Amino acid sequence: MSFKAKQIGSECWLIILDSGIGMGTDKQADLFSLQAQSTFGTDNEKGVGLGPLLCKEFTELQGGRVWAESVSNEGIACFVSMPAGD
């Protein structure tokens, strides 16, 4: 797993890259909702699927946005974008 932070235009981006099992587009659609279903991860860890929803809610309350991009068996990239300070 790796992390990057950079400013893009008037936004500050946090990018989290994971080379784990990734996910298909069917699961990405529900990732940030209560419809998300937990699955076993790369190290057989199991969660309840609440973390992504909480991250989205907290980020949007601060005027930011959050999204993910993934391909099955190729890992996932998670993005958090917040307005950069003046």
PDB file of N, CA and C in Angstrom:
ATOM      1  N   MET A   1       0.842  -1.156   0.000  1.00  0.00           N
ATOM      2  CA  MET A   1       0.000   0.000   0.000  1.00  0.00           C
ATOM      3  C   MET A   1       0.895   1.228   0.000  1.00  0.00           C
ATOM      4  N   SER A   2       0.482   2.228  -0.765  1.00  0.00           N
ATOM      5  CA  SER A   2       1.237   3.475  -0.789  1.00  0.00           C
ATOM      6  C   SER A   2       0.274   4.655  -0.752  1.00  0.00           C
ATOM      7  N   PHE A   3       0.803   5.788  -0.338  1.00  0.00           N
ATOM      8  CA  PHE A   3       0.019   7.002  -0.189  1.00  0.00           C
ATOM      9  C   PHE A   3       0.711   8.138  -0.926  1.00  0.00           C
ATOM     10  N   LYS A   4      -0.085   9.009  -1.520  1.00  0.00           N
ATOM     11  CA  LYS A   4       0.442  10.208  -2.161  1.00  0.00           C
ATOM     12  C   LYS A   4      -0.472  11.368  -1.808  1.00  0.00           C
ATOM     13  N   ALA A   5       0.080  12.537  -1.673  1.00  0.00           N
ATOM     14  CA  ALA A   5      -0.695  13.752  -1.494  1.00  0.00           C
ATOM     15  C   ALA A   5      -0.134  14.788  -2.449  1.00  0.00           C
ATOM     16  N   LYS A   6      -1.021  15.473  -3.158  1.00  0.00           N
ATOM     17  CA  LYS A   6      -0.556  16.515  -4.061  1.00  0.00           C
ATOM     18  C   LYS A   6      -1.678  17.512  -4.308  1.00  0.00           C
ATOM     19  N   GLN A   7      -1.279  18.706  -4.709  1.00  0.00           N
ATOM     20  CA  GLN A   7      -2.250  19.729  -5.035  1.00  0.00           C
ATOM     21  C   GLN A   7      -2.496  19.700  -6.527  1.00  0.00           C
ATOM     22  N   ILE A   8      -3.774  19.654  -6.902  1.00  0.00           N
ATOM     23  CA  ILE A   8      -4.176  19.680  -8.302  1.00  0.00           C
ATOM     24  C   ILE A   8      -5.158  20.831  -8.450  1.00  0.00           C
ATOM     25  N   GLY A   9      -4.721  21.892  -9.089  1.00  0.00           N
ATOM     26  CA  GLY A   9      -5.562  23.085  -9.217  1.00  0.00           C
ATOM     27  C   GLY A   9      -5.874  23.649  -7.844  1.00  0.00           C
ATOM     28  N   SER A  10      -7.139  23.814  -7.555  1.00  0.00           N
ATOM     29  CA  SER A  10      -7.552  24.376  -6.266  1.00  0.00           C
ATOM     30  C   SER A  10      -7.923  23.283  -5.260  1.00  0.00           C
ATOM     31  N   GLU A  11      -7.488  22.056  -5.535  1.00  0.00           N
ATOM     32  CA  GLU A  11      -7.809  20.934  -4.651  1.00  0.00           C
ATOM     33  C   GLU A  11      -6.540  20.259  -4.132  1.00  0.00           C
ATOM     34  N   CYS A  12      -6.643  19.685  -2.961  1.00  0.00           N
ATOM     35  CA  CYS A  12      -5.590  18.852  -2.402  1.00  0.00           C
ATOM     36  C   CYS A  12      -6.082  17.408  -2.486  1.00  0.00           C
ATOM     37  N   TRP A  13      -5.307  16.545  -3.122  1.00  0.00           N
ATOM     38  CA  TRP A  13      -5.702  15.148  -3.311  1.00  0.00           C
ATOM     39  C   TRP A  13      -4.869  14.239  -2.423  1.00  0.00           C
ATOM     40  N   LEU A  14      -5.538  13.279  -1.813  1.00  0.00           N
ATOM     41  CA  LEU A  14      -4.900  12.177  -1.116  1.00  0.00           C
ATOM     42  C   LEU A  14      -5.228  10.931  -1.917  1.00  0.00           C
ATOM     43  N   ILE A  15      -4.193  10.201  -2.317  1.00  0.00           N
ATOM     44  CA  ILE A  15      -4.373   9.012  -3.153  1.00  0.00           C
ATOM     45  C   ILE A  15      -3.793   7.818  -2.415  1.00  0.00           C
ATOM     46  N   ILE A  16      -4.611   6.797  -2.229  1.00  0.00           N
ATOM     47  CA  ILE A  16      -4.192   5.569  -1.558  1.00  0.00           C
ATOM     48  C   ILE A  16      -4.206   4.448  -2.596  1.00  0.00           C
ATOM     49  N   LEU A  17      -3.057   3.830  -2.824  1.00  0.00           N
ATOM     50  CA  LEU A  17      -2.922   2.758  -3.807  1.00  0.00           C
ATOM     51  C   LEU A  17      -2.701   1.436  -3.089  1.00  0.00           C
ATOM     52  N   ASP A  18      -3.446   0.427  -3.489  1.00  0.00           N
ATOM     53  CA  ASP A  18      -3.364  -0.896  -2.885  1.00  0.00           C
ATOM     54  C   ASP A  18      -3.229  -1.913  -4.009  1.00  0.00           C
ATOM     55  N   SER A  19      -2.294  -2.816  -3.889  1.00  0.00           N
ATOM     56  CA  SER A  19      -2.076  -3.821  -4.938  1.00  0.00           C
ATOM     57  C   SER A  19      -2.743  -5.142  -4.576  1.00  0.00           C
ATOM     58  N   GLY A  20      -3.822  -5.095  -3.811  1.00  0.00           N
ATOM     59  CA  GLY A  20      -4.528  -6.304  -3.373  1.00  0.00           C
ATOM     60  C   GLY A  20      -5.400  -6.899  -4.453  1.00  0.00           C
ATOM     61  N   ILE A  21      -6.527  -7.467  -4.042  1.00  0.00           N
ATOM     62  CA  ILE A  21      -7.386  -8.218  -4.960  1.00  0.00           C
ATOM     63  C   ILE A  21      -8.302  -7.340  -5.793  1.00  0.00           C
ATOM     64  N   GLY A  22      -8.405  -6.053  -5.468  1.00  0.00           N
ATOM     65  CA  GLY A  22      -9.231  -5.142  -6.248  1.00  0.00           C
ATOM     66  C   GLY A  22     -10.702  -5.515  -6.178  1.00  0.00           C
ATOM     67  N   MET A  23     -11.503  -4.913  -7.059  1.00  0.00           N
ATOM     68  CA  MET A  23     -12.931  -5.230  -7.110  1.00  0.00           C
ATOM     69  C   MET A  23     -13.477  -4.900  -8.479  1.00  0.00           C
ATOM     70  N   GLY A  24     -14.503  -5.622  -8.855  1.00  0.00           N
ATOM     71  CA  GLY A  24     -15.154  -5.398 -10.138  1.00  0.00           C
ATOM     72  C   GLY A  24     -16.048  -4.171 -10.095  1.00  0.00           C
ATOM     73  N   THR A  25     -16.501  -3.736 -11.259  1.00  0.00           N
ATOM     74  CA  THR A  25     -17.345  -2.544 -11.340  1.00  0.00           C
ATOM     75  C   THR A  25     -18.678  -2.732 -10.627  1.00  0.00           C
ATOM     76  N   ASP A  26     -19.163  -3.961 -10.532  1.00  0.00           N
ATOM     77  CA  ASP A  26     -20.431  -4.203  -9.842  1.00  0.00           C
ATOM     78  C   ASP A  26     -20.336  -3.827  -8.361  1.00  0.00           C
ATOM     79  N   LYS A  27     -19.230  -4.114  -7.728  1.00  0.00           N
ATOM     80  CA  LYS A  27     -19.048  -3.785  -6.312  1.00  0.00           C
ATOM     81  C   LYS A  27     -18.673  -2.327  -6.110  1.00  0.00           C
ATOM     82  N   GLN A  28     -18.012  -1.717  -7.080  1.00  0.00           N
ATOM     83  CA  GLN A  28     -17.626  -0.310  -6.961  1.00  0.00           C
ATOM     84  C   GLN A  28     -18.852   0.596  -6.892  1.00  0.00           C
ATOM     85  N   ALA A  29     -19.922   0.222  -7.576  1.00  0.00           N
ATOM     86  CA  ALA A  29     -21.122   1.054  -7.599  1.00  0.00           C
ATOM     87  C   ALA A  29     -21.714   1.239  -6.201  1.00  0.00           C
ATOM     88  N   ASP A  30     -21.582   0.245  -5.332  1.00  0.00           N
ATOM     89  CA  ASP A  30     -22.153   0.300  -3.986  1.00  0.00           C
ATOM     90  C   ASP A  30     -21.123   0.568  -2.896  1.00  0.00           C
ATOM     91  N   LEU A  31     -19.879   0.802  -3.266  1.00  0.00           N
ATOM     92  CA  LEU A  31     -18.801   0.913  -2.286  1.00  0.00           C
ATOM     93  C   LEU A  31     -19.057   1.960  -1.208  1.00  0.00           C
ATOM     94  N   PHE A  32     -19.600   3.106  -1.583  1.00  0.00           N
ATOM     95  CA  PHE A  32     -19.800   4.201  -0.641  1.00  0.00           C
ATOM     96  C   PHE A  32     -21.259   4.324  -0.196  1.00  0.00           C
ATOM     97  N   SER A  33     -21.955   3.202  -0.099  1.00  0.00           N
ATOM     98  CA  SER A  33     -23.357   3.212   0.322  1.00  0.00           C
ATOM     99  C   SER A  33     -23.597   2.136   1.376  1.00  0.00           C
ATOM    100  N   LEU A  34     -24.782   2.156   1.954  1.00  0.00           N
ATOM    101  CA  LEU A  34     -25.157   1.124   2.923  1.00  0.00           C
ATOM    102  C   LEU A  34     -25.407  -0.216   2.238  1.00  0.00           C
ATOM    103  N   GLN A  35     -25.418  -0.225   0.917  1.00  0.00           N
ATOM    104  CA  GLN A  35     -25.617  -1.464   0.166  1.00  0.00           C
ATOM    105  C   GLN A  35     -24.335  -2.283   0.045  1.00  0.00           C
ATOM    106  N   ALA A  36     -23.212  -1.695   0.437  1.00  0.00           N
ATOM    107  CA  ALA A  36     -21.921  -2.390   0.322  1.00  0.00           C
ATOM    108  C   ALA A  36     -21.920  -3.643   1.185  1.00  0.00           C
ATOM    109  N   GLN A  37     -21.407  -4.711   0.625  1.00  0.00           N
ATOM    110  CA  GLN A  37     -21.295  -5.962   1.364  1.00  0.00           C
ATOM    111  C   GLN A  37     -19.826  -6.264   1.590  1.00  0.00           C
ATOM    112  N   SER A  38     -19.528  -6.651   2.797  1.00  0.00           N
ATOM    113  CA  SER A  38     -18.155  -6.954   3.147  1.00  0.00           C
ATOM    114  C   SER A  38     -17.725  -8.289   2.541  1.00  0.00           C
ATOM    115  N   THR A  39     -16.471  -8.336   2.124  1.00  0.00           N
ATOM    116  CA  THR A  39     -15.881  -9.573   1.624  1.00  0.00           C
ATOM    117  C   THR A  39     -14.531  -9.753   2.305  1.00  0.00           C
ATOM    118  N   PHE A  40     -13.928 -10.901   2.111  1.00  0.00           N
ATOM    119  CA  PHE A  40     -12.605 -11.143   2.680  1.00  0.00           C
ATOM    120  C   PHE A  40     -11.550 -10.473   1.812  1.00  0.00           C
ATOM    121  N   GLY A  41     -10.549  -9.856   2.469  1.00  0.00           N
ATOM    122  CA  GLY A  41      -9.480  -9.153   1.775  1.00  0.00           C
ATOM    123  C   GLY A  41      -8.304 -10.057   1.469  1.00  0.00           C
ATOM    124  N   THR A  42      -7.224  -9.434   1.037  1.00  0.00           N
ATOM    125  CA  THR A  42      -6.010 -10.144   0.642  1.00  0.00           C
ATOM    126  C   THR A  42      -5.454 -11.022   1.758  1.00  0.00           C
ATOM    127  N   ASP A  43      -5.456 -10.520   2.989  1.00  0.00           N
ATOM    128  CA  ASP A  43      -4.945 -11.280   4.131  1.00  0.00           C
ATOM    129  C   ASP A  43      -6.060 -11.972   4.904  1.00  0.00           C
ATOM    130  N   ASN A  44      -7.184 -12.240   4.215  1.00  0.00           N
ATOM    131  CA  ASN A  44      -8.333 -12.924   4.794  1.00  0.00           C
ATOM    132  C   ASN A  44      -9.004 -12.107   5.900  1.00  0.00           C
ATOM    133  N   GLU A  45      -8.779 -10.774   5.891  1.00  0.00           N
ATOM    134  CA  GLU A  45      -9.420  -9.909   6.882  1.00  0.00           C
ATOM    135  C   GLU A  45     -10.866  -9.642   6.458  1.00  0.00           C
ATOM    136  N   LYS A  46     -11.707  -9.376   7.429  1.00  0.00           N
ATOM    137  CA  LYS A  46     -13.118  -9.130   7.142  1.00  0.00           C
ATOM    138  C   LYS A  46     -13.558  -7.882   7.893  1.00  0.00           C
ATOM    139  N   GLY A  47     -14.293  -7.017   7.222  1.00  0.00           N
ATOM    140  CA  GLY A  47     -14.866  -5.829   7.842  1.00  0.00           C
ATOM    141  C   GLY A  47     -16.378  -5.875   7.692  1.00  0.00           C
ATOM    142  N   VAL A  48     -17.012  -4.762   8.024  1.00  0.00           N
ATOM    143  CA  VAL A  48     -18.469  -4.701   7.893  1.00  0.00           C
ATOM    144  C   VAL A  48     -18.899  -3.783   6.751  1.00  0.00           C
ATOM    145  N   GLY A  49     -17.958  -3.125   6.079  1.00  0.00           N
ATOM    146  CA  GLY A  49     -18.281  -2.283   4.934  1.00  0.00           C
ATOM    147  C   GLY A  49     -18.715  -0.878   5.287  1.00  0.00           C
ATOM    148  N   LEU A  50     -18.553  -0.473   6.538  1.00  0.00           N
ATOM    149  CA  LEU A  50     -18.999   0.842   6.979  1.00  0.00           C
ATOM    150  C   LEU A  50     -17.955   1.940   6.749  1.00  0.00           C
ATOM    151  N   GLY A  51     -16.684   1.602   6.706  1.00  0.00           N
ATOM    152  CA  GLY A  51     -15.603   2.584   6.567  1.00  0.00           C
ATOM    153  C   GLY A  51     -15.724   3.481   5.350  1.00  0.00           C
ATOM    154  N   PRO A  52     -15.927   2.932   4.149  1.00  0.00           N
ATOM    155  CA  PRO A  52     -16.032   3.798   2.975  1.00  0.00           C
ATOM    156  C   PRO A  52     -17.204   4.785   3.060  1.00  0.00           C
ATOM    157  N   LEU A  53     -18.326   4.348   3.594  1.00  0.00           N
ATOM    158  CA  LEU A  53     -19.478   5.239   3.732  1.00  0.00           C
ATOM    159  C   LEU A  53     -19.168   6.385   4.690  1.00  0.00           C
ATOM    160  N   LEU A  54     -18.537   6.081   5.819  1.00  0.00           N
ATOM    161  CA  LEU A  54     -18.174   7.123   6.781  1.00  0.00           C
ATOM    162  C   LEU A  54     -17.173   8.103   6.179  1.00  0.00           C
ATOM    163  N   CYS A  55     -16.190   7.600   5.450  1.00  0.00           N
ATOM    164  CA  CYS A  55     -15.213   8.482   4.789  1.00  0.00           C
ATOM    165  C   CYS A  55     -15.908   9.428   3.818  1.00  0.00           C
ATOM    166  N   LYS A  56     -16.850   8.910   3.054  1.00  0.00           N
ATOM    167  CA  LYS A  56     -17.583   9.729   2.091  1.00  0.00           C
ATOM    168  C   LYS A  56     -18.385  10.807   2.805  1.00  0.00           C
ATOM    169  N   GLU A  57     -19.104  10.435   3.849  1.00  0.00           N
ATOM    170  CA  GLU A  57     -19.918  11.400   4.594  1.00  0.00           C
ATOM    171  C   GLU A  57     -19.052  12.500   5.197  1.00  0.00           C
ATOM    172  N   PHE A  58     -17.979  12.141   5.880  1.00  0.00           N
ATOM    173  CA  PHE A  58     -17.097  13.130   6.509  1.00  0.00           C
ATOM    174  C   PHE A  58     -16.441  14.039   5.464  1.00  0.00           C
ATOM    175  N   THR A  59     -16.000  13.459   4.363  1.00  0.00           N
ATOM    176  CA  THR A  59     -15.340  14.232   3.309  1.00  0.00           C
ATOM    177  C   THR A  59     -16.308  15.230   2.689  1.00  0.00           C
ATOM    178  N   GLU A  60     -17.519  14.799   2.382  1.00  0.00           N
ATOM    179  CA  GLU A  60     -18.498  15.692   1.757  1.00  0.00           C
ATOM    180  C   GLU A  60     -18.929  16.805   2.715  1.00  0.00           C
ATOM    181  N   LEU A  61     -18.979  16.531   4.011  1.00  0.00           N
ATOM    182  CA  LEU A  61     -19.311  17.570   4.989  1.00  0.00           C
ATOM    183  C   LEU A  61     -18.264  18.686   4.997  1.00  0.00           C
ATOM    184  N   GLN A  62     -17.045  18.373   4.575  1.00  0.00           N
ATOM    185  CA  GLN A  62     -15.958  19.355   4.519  1.00  0.00           C
ATOM    186  C   GLN A  62     -15.805  19.964   3.121  1.00  0.00           C
ATOM    187  N   GLY A  63     -16.747  19.691   2.233  1.00  0.00           N
ATOM    188  CA  GLY A  63     -16.704  20.254   0.888  1.00  0.00           C
ATOM    189  C   GLY A  63     -15.845  19.469  -0.081  1.00  0.00           C
ATOM    190  N   GLY A  64     -15.497  18.238   0.274  1.00  0.00           N
ATOM    191  CA  GLY A  64     -14.651  17.412  -0.584  1.00  0.00           C
ATOM    192  C   GLY A  64     -15.426  16.332  -1.301  1.00  0.00           C
ATOM    193  N   ARG A  65     -14.688  15.469  -1.942  1.00  0.00           N
ATOM    194  CA  ARG A  65     -15.290  14.321  -2.624  1.00  0.00           C
ATOM    195  C   ARG A  65     -14.364  13.123  -2.489  1.00  0.00           C
ATOM    196  N   VAL A  66     -14.942  11.944  -2.637  1.00  0.00           N
ATOM    197  CA  VAL A  66     -14.187  10.705  -2.504  1.00  0.00           C
ATOM    198  C   VAL A  66     -14.685   9.717  -3.565  1.00  0.00           C
ATOM    199  N   TRP A  67     -13.744   8.945  -4.136  1.00  0.00           N
ATOM    200  CA  TRP A  67     -14.112   7.949  -5.128  1.00  0.00           C
ATOM    201  C   TRP A  67     -13.012   6.905  -5.206  1.00  0.00           C
ATOM    202  N   ALA A  68     -13.311   5.824  -5.902  1.00  0.00           N
ATOM    203  CA  ALA A  68     -12.338   4.731  -6.048  1.00  0.00           C
ATOM    204  C   ALA A  68     -12.346   4.240  -7.482  1.00  0.00           C
ATOM    205  N   GLU A  69     -11.200   3.732  -7.896  1.00  0.00           N
ATOM    206  CA  GLU A  69     -11.052   3.112  -9.213  1.00  0.00           C
ATOM    207  C   GLU A  69     -10.340   1.782  -9.008  1.00  0.00           C
ATOM    208  N   SER A  70     -10.874   0.737  -9.620  1.00  0.00           N
ATOM    209  CA  SER A  70     -10.286  -0.585  -9.412  1.00  0.00           C
ATOM    210  C   SER A  70     -10.581  -1.500 -10.580  1.00  0.00           C
ATOM    211  N   VAL A  71      -9.734  -2.499 -10.710  1.00  0.00           N
ATOM    212  CA  VAL A  71      -9.926  -3.607 -11.642  1.00  0.00           C
ATOM    213  C   VAL A  71      -9.694  -4.876 -10.834  1.00  0.00           C
ATOM    214  N   SER A  72     -10.573  -5.866 -11.004  1.00  0.00           N
ATOM    215  CA  SER A  72     -10.422  -7.121 -10.262  1.00  0.00           C
ATOM    216  C   SER A  72      -9.024  -7.687 -10.432  1.00  0.00           C
ATOM    217  N   ASN A  73      -8.444  -8.135  -9.336  1.00  0.00           N
ATOM    218  CA  ASN A  73      -7.119  -8.747  -9.280  1.00  0.00           C
ATOM    219  C   ASN A  73      -5.974  -7.791  -9.610  1.00  0.00           C
ATOM    220  N   GLU A  74      -6.240  -6.481  -9.651  1.00  0.00           N
ATOM    221  CA  GLU A  74      -5.182  -5.510  -9.934  1.00  0.00           C
ATOM    222  C   GLU A  74      -5.102  -4.410  -8.892  1.00  0.00           C
ATOM    223  N   GLY A  75      -5.764  -4.555  -7.767  1.00  0.00           N
ATOM    224  CA  GLY A  75      -5.695  -3.545  -6.719  1.00  0.00           C
ATOM    225  C   GLY A  75      -6.748  -2.475  -6.866  1.00  0.00           C
ATOM    226  N   ILE A  76      -6.605  -1.443  -6.050  1.00  0.00           N
ATOM    227  CA  ILE A  76      -7.583  -0.357  -6.028  1.00  0.00           C
ATOM    228  C   ILE A  76      -6.867   0.957  -5.735  1.00  0.00           C
ATOM    229  N   ALA A  77      -7.381   2.023  -6.289  1.00  0.00           N
ATOM    230  CA  ALA A  77      -6.906   3.370  -5.995  1.00  0.00           C
ATOM    231  C   ALA A  77      -8.079   4.135  -5.393  1.00  0.00           C
ATOM    232  N   CYS A  78      -7.884   4.669  -4.196  1.00  0.00           N
ATOM    233  CA  CYS A  78      -8.906   5.466  -3.526  1.00  0.00           C
ATOM    234  C   CYS A  78      -8.440   6.918  -3.511  1.00  0.00           C
ATOM    235  N   PHE A  79      -9.351   7.832  -3.798  1.00  0.00           N
ATOM    236  CA  PHE A  79      -9.035   9.245  -3.906  1.00  0.00           C
ATOM    237  C   PHE A  79      -9.897  10.050  -2.932  1.00  0.00           C
ATOM    238  N   VAL A  80      -9.269  11.004  -2.268  1.00  0.00           N
ATOM    239  CA  VAL A  80      -9.984  11.980  -1.445  1.00  0.00           C
ATOM    240  C   VAL A  80      -9.513  13.335  -1.932  1.00  0.00           C
ATOM    241  N   SER A  81     -10.458  14.190  -2.323  1.00  0.00           N
ATOM    242  CA  SER A  81     -10.137  15.519  -2.812  1.00  0.00           C
ATOM    243  C   SER A  81     -10.812  16.540  -1.910  1.00  0.00           C
ATOM    244  N   MET A  82     -10.019  17.501  -1.416  1.00  0.00           N
ATOM    245  CA  MET A  82     -10.526  18.553  -0.545  1.00  0.00           C
ATOM    246  C   MET A  82     -10.124  19.907  -1.123  1.00  0.00           C
ATOM    247  N   PRO A  83     -10.953  20.935  -0.902  1.00  0.00           N
ATOM    248  CA  PRO A  83     -10.539  22.268  -1.351  1.00  0.00           C
ATOM    249  C   PRO A  83      -9.248  22.670  -0.653  1.00  0.00           C
ATOM    250  N   ALA A  84      -8.304  23.198  -1.435  1.00  0.00           N
ATOM    251  CA  ALA A  84      -7.041  23.669  -0.851  1.00  0.00           C
ATOM    252  C   ALA A  84      -7.271  25.014  -0.184  1.00  0.00           C
ATOM    253  N   GLY A  85      -6.596  25.245   0.919  1.00  0.00           N
ATOM    254  CA  GLY A  85      -6.717  26.516   1.639  1.00  0.00           C
ATOM    255  C   GLY A  85      -6.156  27.668   0.848  1.00  0.00           C
ATOM    256  N   ASP A  86      -6.625  28.856   1.160  1.00  0.00           N
ATOM    257  CA  ASP A  86      -6.133  30.068   0.478  1.00  0.00           C
ATOM    258  C   ASP A  86      -4.777  30.469   0.965  1.00  0.00           C
TER     259      ASP A  86
END
